[in-house]
Amino acid sequence: MKTWLLAAVLGAMLIGAIALSARLWTSMDNAVGAHGWAALIIGAVLTFVVGAGLMALVFFSSRRGYDEDDREP
Protein backbone atom coordinates (compact mmCIF):
# COMPACT_ATOMS: atom_id res chain seq x y z
CA MET A 1 0.00 0.00 0.00
CA LYS A 2 2.79 2.40 0.93
CA THR A 3 4.69 1.74 -2.32
CA TRP A 4 1.54 2.19 -4.38
CA LEU A 5 0.82 5.53 -2.70
CA LEU A 6 4.38 6.73 -3.34
CA ALA A 7 4.13 5.72 -7.01
CA ALA A 8 0.77 7.49 -7.34
CA VAL A 9 2.10 10.71 -5.78
CA LEU A 10 5.23 10.70 -7.95
CA GLY A 11 3.15 9.96 -11.06
CA ALA A 12 0.80 12.85 -10.25
CA MET A 13 3.77 15.17 -9.76
CA LEU A 14 5.22 14.08 -13.11
CA ILE A 15 1.93 14.66 -14.91
CA GLY A 16 1.60 18.07 -13.26
CA ALA A 17 5.13 19.07 -14.25
CA ILE A 18 4.55 17.99 -17.85
CA ALA A 19 1.24 19.85 -18.02
CA LEU A 20 2.76 23.03 -16.57
CA SER A 21 5.74 22.84 -18.91
CA ALA A 22 3.50 22.35 -21.94
CA ARG A 23 1.29 25.26 -20.91
CA LEU A 24 4.25 27.59 -20.38
CA TRP A 25 5.88 26.45 -23.64
CA THR A 26 2.77 27.15 -25.72
CA SER A 27 1.96 30.46 -23.99
CA MET A 28 5.23 32.08 -25.07
CA ASP A 29 5.10 34.22 -28.18
CA ASN A 30 8.71 33.46 -29.16
CA ALA A 31 9.39 30.41 -31.27
CA VAL A 32 12.45 28.21 -30.88
CA GLY A 33 14.78 28.60 -33.83
CA ALA A 34 16.82 25.98 -35.62
CA HIS A 35 19.85 26.57 -33.40
CA GLY A 36 17.72 26.06 -30.31
CA TRP A 37 16.36 22.75 -31.61
CA ALA A 38 19.85 21.63 -32.60
CA ALA A 39 21.19 22.46 -29.14
CA LEU A 40 18.28 20.62 -27.51
CA ILE A 41 18.75 17.50 -29.63
CA ILE A 42 22.55 17.46 -29.26
CA GLY A 43 22.24 17.94 -25.50
CA ALA A 44 19.73 15.11 -25.17
CA VAL A 45 21.84 12.73 -27.27
CA LEU A 46 25.05 13.56 -25.40
CA THR A 47 23.28 13.12 -22.06
CA PHE A 48 22.09 9.68 -23.15
CA VAL A 49 25.56 8.71 -24.42
CA VAL A 50 27.27 9.80 -21.19
CA GLY A 51 24.69 7.93 -19.09
CA ALA A 52 25.04 4.77 -21.18
CA GLY A 53 28.83 5.00 -21.03
CA LEU A 54 28.84 5.36 -17.26
CA MET A 55 26.48 2.40 -16.89
CA ALA A 56 28.76 0.34 -19.14
CA LEU A 57 31.71 1.26 -16.92
CA VAL A 58 29.77 0.18 -13.83
CA PHE A 59 29.00 -3.23 -15.34
CA PHE A 60 32.55 -3.63 -16.68
CA SER A 61 34.05 -2.77 -13.30
CA SER A 62 31.70 -5.14 -11.49
CA ARG A 63 32.35 -8.08 -13.82
CA ARG A 64 36.14 -7.65 -13.83
CA GLY A 65 36.30 -7.51 -10.04
CA TYR A 66 37.60 -3.97 -9.75
CA ASP A 67 34.99 -3.26 -7.08
CA GLU A 68 36.14 -6.12 -4.85
CA ASP A 69 38.24 -5.66 -1.73
CA ASP A 70 41.97 -6.38 -2.12
CA ARG A 71 42.35 -7.83 1.37
CA GLU A 72 42.63 -11.59 1.83
CA PRO A 73 40.49 -13.00 4.68
PDB file of N, CA and C in Angstrom:
ATOM      1  N   MET A   1       0.823  -1.196   0.000  1.00  0.00           N
ATOM      2  CA  MET A   1       0.000   0.000   0.000  1.00  0.00           C
ATOM      3  C   MET A   1       0.869   1.264   0.000  1.00  0.00           C
ATOM      4  N   LYS A   2       1.924   1.235   0.815  1.00  0.00           N
ATOM      5  CA  LYS A   2       2.791   2.401   0.926  1.00  0.00           C
ATOM      6  C   LYS A   2       3.532   2.662  -0.388  1.00  0.00           C
ATOM      7  N   THR A   3       3.987   1.600  -1.041  1.00  0.00           N
ATOM      8  CA  THR A   3       4.689   1.744  -2.315  1.00  0.00           C
ATOM      9  C   THR A   3       3.745   2.257  -3.393  1.00  0.00           C
ATOM     10  N   TRP A   4       2.527   1.754  -3.398  1.00  0.00           N
ATOM     11  CA  TRP A   4       1.539   2.192  -4.384  1.00  0.00           C
ATOM     12  C   TRP A   4       1.237   3.670  -4.212  1.00  0.00           C
ATOM     13  N   LEU A   5       1.106   4.119  -2.967  1.00  0.00           N
ATOM     14  CA  LEU A   5       0.824   5.533  -2.701  1.00  0.00           C
ATOM     15  C   LEU A   5       1.985   6.414  -3.160  1.00  0.00           C
ATOM     16  N   LEU A   6       3.207   5.979  -2.894  1.00  0.00           N
ATOM     17  CA  LEU A   6       4.377   6.734  -3.343  1.00  0.00           C
ATOM     18  C   LEU A   6       4.413   6.831  -4.864  1.00  0.00           C
ATOM     19  N   ALA A   7       4.146   5.719  -5.547  1.00  0.00           N
ATOM     20  CA  ALA A   7       4.131   5.721  -7.012  1.00  0.00           C
ATOM     21  C   ALA A   7       3.032   6.639  -7.538  1.00  0.00           C
ATOM     22  N   ALA A   8       1.874   6.639  -6.900  1.00  0.00           N
ATOM     23  CA  ALA A   8       0.772   7.494  -7.337  1.00  0.00           C
ATOM     24  C   ALA A   8       1.117   8.975  -7.157  1.00  0.00           C
ATOM     25  N   VAL A   9       1.728   9.316  -6.036  1.00  0.00           N
ATOM     26  CA  VAL A   9       2.096  10.715  -5.784  1.00  0.00           C
ATOM     27  C   VAL A   9       3.168  11.172  -6.775  1.00  0.00           C
ATOM     28  N   LEU A  10       4.180  10.338  -6.993  1.00  0.00           N
ATOM     29  CA  LEU A  10       5.227  10.699  -7.948  1.00  0.00           C
ATOM     30  C   LEU A  10       4.681  10.792  -9.368  1.00  0.00           C
ATOM     31  N   GLY A  11       3.774   9.901  -9.737  1.00  0.00           N
ATOM     32  CA  GLY A  11       3.149   9.964 -11.059  1.00  0.00           C
ATOM     33  C   GLY A  11       2.332  11.233 -11.230  1.00  0.00           C
ATOM     34  N   ALA A  12       1.589  11.617 -10.184  1.00  0.00           N
ATOM     35  CA  ALA A  12       0.801  12.848 -10.247  1.00  0.00           C
ATOM     36  C   ALA A  12       1.705  14.075 -10.368  1.00  0.00           C
ATOM     37  N   MET A  13       2.828  14.060  -9.653  1.00  0.00           N
ATOM     38  CA  MET A  13       3.774  15.172  -9.759  1.00  0.00           C
ATOM     39  C   MET A  13       4.375  15.250 -11.155  1.00  0.00           C
ATOM     40  N   LEU A  14       4.679  14.103 -11.752  1.00  0.00           N
ATOM     41  CA  LEU A  14       5.222  14.083 -13.108  1.00  0.00           C
ATOM     42  C   LEU A  14       4.208  14.619 -14.110  1.00  0.00           C
ATOM     43  N   ILE A  15       2.976  14.181 -14.005  1.00  0.00           N
ATOM     44  CA  ILE A  15       1.928  14.661 -14.915  1.00  0.00           C
ATOM     45  C   ILE A  15       1.728  16.166 -14.745  1.00  0.00           C
ATOM     46  N   GLY A  16       1.739  16.643 -13.508  1.00  0.00           N
ATOM     47  CA  GLY A  16       1.600  18.074 -13.262  1.00  0.00           C
ATOM     48  C   GLY A  16       2.751  18.883 -13.848  1.00  0.00           C
ATOM     49  N   ALA A  17       3.969  18.371 -13.699  1.00  0.00           N
ATOM     50  CA  ALA A  17       5.134  19.072 -14.245  1.00  0.00           C
ATOM     51  C   ALA A  17       5.081  19.112 -15.765  1.00  0.00           C
ATOM     52  N   ILE A  18       4.665  18.018 -16.388  1.00  0.00           N
ATOM     53  CA  ILE A  18       4.554  17.985 -17.850  1.00  0.00           C
ATOM     54  C   ILE A  18       3.468  18.943 -18.322  1.00  0.00           C
ATOM     55  N   ALA A  19       2.332  18.955 -17.635  1.00  0.00           N
ATOM     56  CA  ALA A  19       1.239  19.848 -18.022  1.00  0.00           C
ATOM     57  C   ALA A  19       1.648  21.316 -17.872  1.00  0.00           C
ATOM     58  N   LEU A  20       2.314  21.645 -16.776  1.00  0.00           N
ATOM     59  CA  LEU A  20       2.755  23.025 -16.566  1.00  0.00           C
ATOM     60  C   LEU A  20       3.793  23.432 -17.607  1.00  0.00           C
ATOM     61  N   SER A  21       4.721  22.539 -17.899  1.00  0.00           N
ATOM     62  CA  SER A  21       5.737  22.839 -18.911  1.00  0.00           C
ATOM     63  C   SER A  21       5.112  23.053 -20.282  1.00  0.00           C
ATOM     64  N   ALA A  22       4.163  22.202 -20.645  1.00  0.00           N
ATOM     65  CA  ALA A  22       3.501  22.346 -21.943  1.00  0.00           C
ATOM     66  C   ALA A  22       2.717  23.655 -22.012  1.00  0.00           C
ATOM     67  N   ARG A  23       2.060  24.008 -20.919  1.00  0.00           N
ATOM     68  CA  ARG A  23       1.290  25.258 -20.912  1.00  0.00           C
ATOM     69  C   ARG A  23       2.208  26.475 -21.031  1.00  0.00           C
ATOM     70  N   LEU A  24       3.309  26.470 -20.293  1.00  0.00           N
ATOM     71  CA  LEU A  24       4.247  27.588 -20.382  1.00  0.00           C
ATOM     72  C   LEU A  24       4.905  27.657 -21.755  1.00  0.00           C
ATOM     73  N   TRP A  25       5.229  26.495 -22.324  1.00  0.00           N
ATOM     74  CA  TRP A  25       5.883  26.451 -23.639  1.00  0.00           C
ATOM     75  C   TRP A  25       4.970  27.041 -24.710  1.00  0.00           C
ATOM     76  N   THR A  26       3.693  26.679 -24.685  1.00  0.00           N
ATOM     77  CA  THR A  26       2.772  27.153 -25.722  1.00  0.00           C
ATOM     78  C   THR A  26       2.307  28.587 -25.483  1.00  0.00           C
ATOM     79  N   SER A  27       2.420  29.094 -24.254  1.00  0.00           N
ATOM     80  CA  SER A  27       1.960  30.455 -23.989  1.00  0.00           C
ATOM     81  C   SER A  27       2.983  31.512 -24.402  1.00  0.00           C
ATOM     82  N   MET A  28       4.210  31.116 -24.657  1.00  0.00           N
ATOM     83  CA  MET A  28       5.228  32.079 -25.074  1.00  0.00           C
ATOM     84  C   MET A  28       5.002  32.487 -26.521  1.00  0.00           C
ATOM     85  N   ASP A  29       5.290  33.754 -26.811  1.00  0.00           N
ATOM     86  CA  ASP A  29       5.100  34.220 -28.178  1.00  0.00           C
ATOM     87  C   ASP A  29       6.374  34.095 -29.014  1.00  0.00           C
ATOM     88  N   ASN A  30       7.463  33.672 -28.409  1.00  0.00           N
ATOM     89  CA  ASN A  30       8.706  33.462 -29.156  1.00  0.00           C
ATOM     90  C   ASN A  30       8.825  32.000 -29.553  1.00  0.00           C
ATOM     91  N   ALA A  31       9.192  31.771 -30.787  1.00  0.00           N
ATOM     92  CA  ALA A  31       9.385  30.407 -31.268  1.00  0.00           C
ATOM     93  C   ALA A  31      10.854  30.006 -31.108  1.00  0.00           C
ATOM     94  N   VAL A  32      11.080  28.722 -30.978  1.00  0.00           N
ATOM     95  CA  VAL A  32      12.445  28.210 -30.877  1.00  0.00           C
ATOM     96  C   VAL A  32      12.997  28.077 -32.286  1.00  0.00           C
ATOM     97  N   GLY A  33      14.165  28.650 -32.507  1.00  0.00           N
ATOM     98  CA  GLY A  33      14.780  28.603 -33.829  1.00  0.00           C
ATOM     99  C   GLY A  33      15.509  27.290 -34.071  1.00  0.00           C
ATOM    100  N   ALA A  34      16.112  27.205 -35.236  1.00  0.00           N
ATOM    101  CA  ALA A  34      16.821  25.983 -35.624  1.00  0.00           C
ATOM    102  C   ALA A  34      18.009  25.720 -34.706  1.00  0.00           C
ATOM    103  N   HIS A  35      18.709  26.766 -34.293  1.00  0.00           N
ATOM    104  CA  HIS A  35      19.850  26.572 -33.400  1.00  0.00           C
ATOM    105  C   HIS A  35      19.401  26.075 -32.028  1.00  0.00           C
ATOM    106  N   GLY A  36      18.260  26.536 -31.586  1.00  0.00           N
ATOM    107  CA  GLY A  36      17.722  26.061 -30.311  1.00  0.00           C
ATOM    108  C   GLY A  36      17.361  24.591 -30.359  1.00  0.00           C
ATOM    109  N   TRP A  37      16.701  24.170 -31.452  1.00  0.00           N
ATOM    110  CA  TRP A  37      16.356  22.754 -31.605  1.00  0.00           C
ATOM    111  C   TRP A  37      17.602  21.898 -31.729  1.00  0.00           C
ATOM    112  N   ALA A  38      18.600  22.388 -32.457  1.00  0.00           N
ATOM    113  CA  ALA A  38      19.847  21.632 -32.603  1.00  0.00           C
ATOM    114  C   ALA A  38      20.533  21.468 -31.247  1.00  0.00           C
ATOM    115  N   ALA A  39      20.577  22.537 -30.460  1.00  0.00           N
ATOM    116  CA  ALA A  39      21.190  22.459 -29.136  1.00  0.00           C
ATOM    117  C   ALA A  39      20.425  21.498 -28.235  1.00  0.00           C
ATOM    118  N   LEU A  40      19.099  21.522 -28.315  1.00  0.00           N
ATOM    119  CA  LEU A  40      18.280  20.623 -27.508  1.00  0.00           C
ATOM    120  C   LEU A  40      18.522  19.166 -27.886  1.00  0.00           C
ATOM    121  N   ILE A  41      18.558  18.875 -29.163  1.00  0.00           N
ATOM    122  CA  ILE A  41      18.754  17.499 -29.628  1.00  0.00           C
ATOM    123  C   ILE A  41      20.166  17.017 -29.299  1.00  0.00           C
ATOM    124  N   ILE A  42      21.163  17.850 -29.558  1.00  0.00           N
ATOM    125  CA  ILE A  42      22.546  17.461 -29.258  1.00  0.00           C
ATOM    126  C   ILE A  42      22.728  17.243 -27.757  1.00  0.00           C
ATOM    127  N   GLY A  43      22.145  18.107 -26.951  1.00  0.00           N
ATOM    128  CA  GLY A  43      22.236  17.945 -25.499  1.00  0.00           C
ATOM    129  C   GLY A  43      21.577  16.668 -25.013  1.00  0.00           C
ATOM    130  N   ALA A  44      20.413  16.337 -25.570  1.00  0.00           N
ATOM    131  CA  ALA A  44      19.728  15.106 -25.169  1.00  0.00           C
ATOM    132  C   ALA A  44      20.520  13.872 -25.582  1.00  0.00           C
ATOM    133  N   VAL A  45      21.058  13.883 -26.793  1.00  0.00           N
ATOM    134  CA  VAL A  45      21.837  12.733 -27.272  1.00  0.00           C
ATOM    135  C   VAL A  45      23.111  12.569 -26.443  1.00  0.00           C
ATOM    136  N   LEU A  46      23.818  13.654 -26.189  1.00  0.00           N
ATOM    137  CA  LEU A  46      25.045  13.564 -25.397  1.00  0.00           C
ATOM    138  C   LEU A  46      24.763  13.124 -23.962  1.00  0.00           C
ATOM    139  N   THR A  47      23.659  13.570 -23.396  1.00  0.00           N
ATOM    140  CA  THR A  47      23.280  13.125 -22.059  1.00  0.00           C
ATOM    141  C   THR A  47      23.034  11.629 -22.040  1.00  0.00           C
ATOM    142  N   PHE A  48      22.335  11.118 -23.051  1.00  0.00           N
ATOM    143  CA  PHE A  48      22.087   9.680 -23.149  1.00  0.00           C
ATOM    144  C   PHE A  48      23.392   8.908 -23.318  1.00  0.00           C
ATOM    145  N   VAL A  49      24.284   9.400 -24.162  1.00  0.00           N
ATOM    146  CA  VAL A  49      25.558   8.708 -24.416  1.00  0.00           C
ATOM    147  C   VAL A  49      26.410   8.668 -23.149  1.00  0.00           C
ATOM    148  N   VAL A  50      26.484   9.777 -22.424  1.00  0.00           N
ATOM    149  CA  VAL A  50      27.265   9.802 -21.188  1.00  0.00           C
ATOM    150  C   VAL A  50      26.662   8.849 -20.160  1.00  0.00           C
ATOM    151  N   GLY A  51      25.345   8.849 -20.023  1.00  0.00           N
ATOM    152  CA  GLY A  51      24.692   7.932 -19.090  1.00  0.00           C
ATOM    153  C   GLY A  51      24.927   6.477 -19.453  1.00  0.00           C
ATOM    154  N   ALA A  52      24.805   6.149 -20.738  1.00  0.00           N
ATOM    155  CA  ALA A  52      25.039   4.771 -21.182  1.00  0.00           C
ATOM    156  C   ALA A  52      26.497   4.380 -20.977  1.00  0.00           C
ATOM    157  N   GLY A  53      27.420   5.289 -21.244  1.00  0.00           N
ATOM    158  CA  GLY A  53      28.834   5.003 -21.033  1.00  0.00           C
ATOM    159  C   GLY A  53      29.163   4.762 -19.570  1.00  0.00           C
ATOM    160  N   LEU A  54      28.594   5.563 -18.689  1.00  0.00           N
ATOM    161  CA  LEU A  54      28.838   5.362 -17.263  1.00  0.00           C
ATOM    162  C   LEU A  54      28.240   4.049 -16.770  1.00  0.00           C
ATOM    163  N   MET A  55      27.064   3.692 -17.267  1.00  0.00           N
ATOM    164  CA  MET A  55      26.476   2.401 -16.886  1.00  0.00           C
ATOM    165  C   MET A  55      27.327   1.252 -17.405  1.00  0.00           C
ATOM    166  N   ALA A  56      27.874   1.377 -18.604  1.00  0.00           N
ATOM    167  CA  ALA A  56      28.760   0.341 -19.142  1.00  0.00           C
ATOM    168  C   ALA A  56      30.005   0.207 -18.270  1.00  0.00           C
ATOM    169  N   LEU A  57      30.553   1.322 -17.807  1.00  0.00           N
ATOM    170  CA  LEU A  57      31.712   1.259 -16.916  1.00  0.00           C
ATOM    171  C   LEU A  57      31.376   0.591 -15.594  1.00  0.00           C
ATOM    172  N   VAL A  58      30.185   0.829 -15.081  1.00  0.00           N
ATOM    173  CA  VAL A  58      29.771   0.184 -13.833  1.00  0.00           C
ATOM    174  C   VAL A  58      29.713  -1.325 -14.016  1.00  0.00           C
ATOM    175  N   PHE A  59      29.094  -1.790 -15.095  1.00  0.00           N
ATOM    176  CA  PHE A  59      29.002  -3.229 -15.339  1.00  0.00           C
ATOM    177  C   PHE A  59      30.378  -3.829 -15.619  1.00  0.00           C
ATOM    178  N   PHE A  60      31.205  -3.154 -16.380  1.00  0.00           N
ATOM    179  CA  PHE A  60      32.552  -3.633 -16.679  1.00  0.00           C
ATOM    180  C   PHE A  60      33.367  -3.770 -15.395  1.00  0.00           C
ATOM    181  N   SER A  61      33.309  -2.756 -14.551  1.00  0.00           N
ATOM    182  CA  SER A  61      34.049  -2.768 -13.298  1.00  0.00           C
ATOM    183  C   SER A  61      33.560  -3.878 -12.383  1.00  0.00           C
ATOM    184  N   SER A  62      32.268  -4.093 -12.344  1.00  0.00           N
ATOM    185  CA  SER A  62      31.704  -5.138 -11.491  1.00  0.00           C
ATOM    186  C   SER A  62      32.089  -6.528 -11.983  1.00  0.00           C
ATOM    187  N   ARG A  63      32.045  -6.752 -13.273  1.00  0.00           N
ATOM    188  CA  ARG A  63      32.355  -8.080 -13.823  1.00  0.00           C
ATOM    189  C   ARG A  63      33.838  -8.410 -13.756  1.00  0.00           C
ATOM    190  N   ARG A  64      34.694  -7.414 -13.871  1.00  0.00           N
ATOM    191  CA  ARG A  64      36.136  -7.654 -13.832  1.00  0.00           C
ATOM    192  C   ARG A  64      36.680  -7.722 -12.408  1.00  0.00           C
ATOM    193  N   GLY A  65      35.862  -7.418 -11.429  1.00  0.00           N
ATOM    194  CA  GLY A  65      36.296  -7.511 -10.037  1.00  0.00           C
ATOM    195  C   GLY A  65      37.018  -6.290  -9.514  1.00  0.00           C
ATOM    196  N   TYR A  66      36.934  -5.179 -10.214  1.00  0.00           N
ATOM    197  CA  TYR A  66      37.604  -3.966  -9.745  1.00  0.00           C
ATOM    198  C   TYR A  66      36.935  -3.388  -8.502  1.00  0.00           C
ATOM    199  N   ASP A  67      35.714  -3.775  -8.241  1.00  0.00           N
ATOM    200  CA  ASP A  67      34.994  -3.265  -7.079  1.00  0.00           C
ATOM    201  C   ASP A  67      35.239  -4.105  -5.826  1.00  0.00           C
ATOM    202  N   GLU A  68      35.916  -5.226  -5.975  1.00  0.00           N
ATOM    203  CA  GLU A  68      36.135  -6.122  -4.845  1.00  0.00           C
ATOM    204  C   GLU A  68      37.242  -5.583  -3.943  1.00  0.00           C
ATOM    205  N   ASP A  69      37.223  -6.042  -2.699  1.00  0.00           N
ATOM    206  CA  ASP A  69      38.243  -5.665  -1.733  1.00  0.00           C
ATOM    207  C   ASP A  69      39.539  -6.405  -2.032  1.00  0.00           C
ATOM    208  N   ASP A  70      40.675  -5.752  -1.852  1.00  0.00           N
ATOM    209  CA  ASP A  70      41.971  -6.379  -2.118  1.00  0.00           C
ATOM    210  C   ASP A  70      42.461  -7.246  -0.964  1.00  0.00           C
ATOM    211  N   ARG A  71      41.880  -7.101   0.187  1.00  0.00           N
ATOM    212  CA  ARG A  71      42.346  -7.835   1.366  1.00  0.00           C
ATOM    213  C   ARG A  71      41.970  -9.307   1.288  1.00  0.00           C
ATOM    214  N   GLU A  72      42.890 -10.148   1.727  1.00  0.00           N
ATOM    215  CA  GLU A  72      42.630 -11.589   1.827  1.00  0.00           C
ATOM    216  C   GLU A  72      42.060 -11.864   3.215  1.00  0.00           C
ATOM    217  N   PRO A  73      41.054 -12.714   3.331  1.00  0.00           N
ATOM    218  CA  PRO A  73      40.491 -13.003   4.679  1.00  0.00           C
ATOM    219  C   PRO A  73      41.393 -13.874   5.518  1.00  0.00           C
TER     220      PRO A  73
END
